[in-house]
Amino acid sequence: AMSINEFEERDDKCVNCLEINPREVKIKCEECPGDLLLCLECFSCGVELGQHKRHHSYSFYDPGSFPLFTPGWCAADELQLLEALEEFGYGDWEQCTRYLNDRSSGEISSHFEEFYLSGVIADAVKDYFKGSSC
């Protein structure tokens, strides 16, 4: 579960309903100060709050809803995986489920092994260091 401080620090939540969905495209108001983000549902209902008005110009904010390596794992998931590994270390897959709470520890470890240790990323790193003088 997310702490109150972790929740407050999130900059990808809808300012109206406070929903956090790192895989969902959001609407960013281009006229309000700061990064005012609305989820698609609140935007489609014409939510107005504070200085924000429904007629303001907007852009789409995509936090990574597209896949990088394989369908079923979007860019936001990959980022969450790397952040979990940074916090908990390699191999603590059960703790990594705190960041990827809809994935099992087995799914997370298998994905990391397939795409980071023996897949596309691993090949790119090996190729990079072959030409390096380190």
Protein backbone atom coordinates (compact mmCIF):
# COMPACT_ATOMS: atom_id res chain seq x y z
CA ALA A 1 0.00 0.00 0.00
CA MET A 2 1.11 3.54 -0.74
CA SER A 3 1.84 5.90 2.16
CA ILE A 4 0.23 9.33 2.38
CA ASN A 5 3.57 10.97 1.54
CA GLU A 6 4.04 8.73 -1.52
CA PHE A 7 0.51 9.60 -2.66
CA GLU A 8 1.04 13.34 -2.21
CA GLU A 9 4.34 13.23 -4.12
CA ARG A 10 2.74 11.62 -7.19
CA ASP A 11 2.48 14.10 -10.04
CA ASP A 12 0.46 11.80 -12.29
CA LYS A 13 -2.83 11.77 -10.41
CA CYS A 14 -6.04 13.40 -11.59
CA VAL A 15 -6.46 16.71 -9.70
CA ASN A 16 -10.21 16.17 -9.45
CA CYS A 17 -10.85 12.52 -8.48
CA LEU A 18 -7.24 11.83 -7.35
CA GLU A 19 -7.13 8.58 -9.34
CA ILE A 20 -3.65 7.24 -10.00
CA ASN A 21 -3.35 5.07 -13.06
CA PRO A 22 0.20 5.17 -14.45
CA ARG A 23 -0.93 3.36 -17.62
CA GLU A 24 -3.69 5.78 -18.60
CA VAL A 25 -3.41 8.75 -20.93
CA LYS A 26 -4.43 11.94 -19.15
CA ILE A 27 -5.41 15.44 -20.26
CA LYS A 28 -3.00 18.28 -19.40
CA CYS A 29 -4.38 21.82 -19.24
CA GLU A 30 -2.13 24.16 -21.22
CA GLU A 31 -3.50 27.33 -19.61
CA CYS A 32 -3.43 26.60 -15.88
CA PRO A 33 -0.20 27.04 -13.90
CA GLY A 34 1.65 23.85 -13.02
CA ASP A 35 0.85 20.47 -14.50
CA LEU A 36 -2.90 20.22 -14.08
CA LEU A 37 -3.84 16.70 -15.14
CA LEU A 38 -7.33 15.25 -15.49
CA CYS A 39 -8.22 11.63 -16.08
CA LEU A 40 -10.25 10.98 -19.21
CA GLU A 41 -13.46 10.49 -17.24
CA CYS A 42 -13.21 13.84 -15.40
CA PHE A 43 -12.21 15.65 -18.61
CA SER A 44 -15.16 14.16 -20.51
CA CYS A 45 -17.53 15.37 -17.75
CA GLY A 46 -16.24 18.93 -18.22
CA VAL A 47 -14.76 19.30 -14.75
CA GLU A 48 -13.91 22.86 -13.72
CA LEU A 49 -12.02 23.57 -10.51
CA GLY A 50 -10.09 26.55 -9.23
CA GLN A 51 -8.80 28.54 -12.22
CA HIS A 52 -9.37 25.63 -14.60
CA LYS A 53 -12.23 26.00 -17.08
CA ARG A 54 -13.50 23.39 -19.53
CA HIS A 55 -12.78 25.63 -22.55
CA HIS A 56 -9.02 25.82 -21.80
CA SER A 57 -6.66 24.44 -24.42
CA TYR A 58 -5.20 21.05 -23.57
CA SER A 59 -2.78 18.37 -24.67
CA PHE A 60 -2.60 14.64 -24.11
CA TYR A 61 -0.21 13.39 -21.46
CA ASP A 62 0.90 9.81 -22.03
CA PRO A 63 2.80 8.41 -19.07
CA GLY A 64 3.88 5.33 -20.99
CA SER A 65 0.80 3.38 -22.00
CA PHE A 66 2.61 1.92 -25.03
CA PRO A 67 4.62 -1.35 -24.93
CA LEU A 68 8.42 -1.27 -25.25
CA PHE A 69 9.36 -4.94 -25.55
CA THR A 70 6.23 -7.05 -25.42
CA PRO A 71 2.47 -6.59 -25.36
CA GLY A 72 1.11 -6.64 -21.83
CA TRP A 73 4.02 -4.68 -20.38
CA CYS A 74 3.77 -0.95 -21.11
CA ALA A 75 6.56 1.60 -20.73
CA ALA A 76 5.13 2.69 -17.36
CA ASP A 77 5.41 -0.92 -16.14
CA GLU A 78 9.05 -1.08 -17.27
CA LEU A 79 9.80 2.13 -15.38
CA GLN A 80 8.04 0.81 -12.27
CA LEU A 81 10.11 -2.39 -12.52
CA LEU A 82 13.38 -0.44 -12.69
CA GLU A 83 12.35 1.80 -9.80
CA ALA A 84 11.47 -1.26 -7.72
CA LEU A 85 14.84 -2.85 -8.47
CA GLU A 86 16.58 0.38 -7.53
CA GLU A 87 14.80 0.42 -4.17
CA PHE A 88 14.75 -3.29 -3.27
CA GLY A 89 17.68 -4.71 -5.23
CA TYR A 90 17.98 -7.52 -7.74
CA GLY A 91 16.15 -10.68 -6.77
CA ASP A 92 13.72 -9.30 -4.18
CA TRP A 93 10.79 -9.98 -6.50
CA GLU A 94 8.19 -10.17 -3.74
CA GLN A 95 8.98 -6.59 -2.70
CA CYS A 96 8.87 -5.51 -6.36
CA THR A 97 5.17 -6.41 -6.40
CA ARG A 98 4.65 -3.26 -4.29
CA TYR A 99 5.45 -1.24 -7.42
CA LEU A 100 3.76 -3.64 -9.84
CA ASN A 101 0.85 -4.75 -7.69
CA ASP A 102 -1.03 -6.45 -10.52
CA ARG A 103 1.94 -8.74 -11.26
CA SER A 104 3.17 -11.79 -9.41
CA SER A 105 6.76 -12.07 -8.24
CA GLY A 106 7.21 -14.89 -10.78
CA GLU A 107 5.95 -12.72 -13.66
CA ILE A 108 8.29 -9.91 -12.66
CA SER A 109 11.39 -12.11 -12.38
CA SER A 110 10.63 -13.90 -15.66
CA HIS A 111 10.12 -10.60 -17.50
CA PHE A 112 13.34 -9.14 -16.10
CA GLU A 113 15.32 -12.25 -17.03
CA GLU A 114 13.89 -12.42 -20.54
CA PHE A 115 14.22 -8.78 -21.53
CA TYR A 116 16.97 -7.29 -19.35
CA LEU A 117 19.41 -10.11 -18.64
CA SER A 118 19.20 -12.15 -21.83
CA GLY A 119 17.12 -10.05 -24.20
CA VAL A 120 17.27 -6.84 -26.17
CA ILE A 121 18.69 -4.69 -23.36
CA ALA A 122 21.37 -7.23 -22.47
CA ASP A 123 22.45 -7.47 -26.13
CA ALA A 124 22.66 -3.69 -26.45
CA VAL A 125 24.74 -3.37 -23.26
CA LYS A 126 27.10 -6.15 -24.36
CA ASP A 127 27.55 -4.52 -27.79
CA TYR A 128 28.19 -1.14 -26.18
CA PHE A 129 30.90 -2.49 -23.86
CA LYS A 130 32.58 -4.52 -26.61
CA GLY A 131 33.66 -1.24 -28.20
CA SER A 132 34.51 0.42 -24.90
CA SER A 133 37.98 0.69 -23.41
CA CYS A 134 36.70 0.19 -19.82
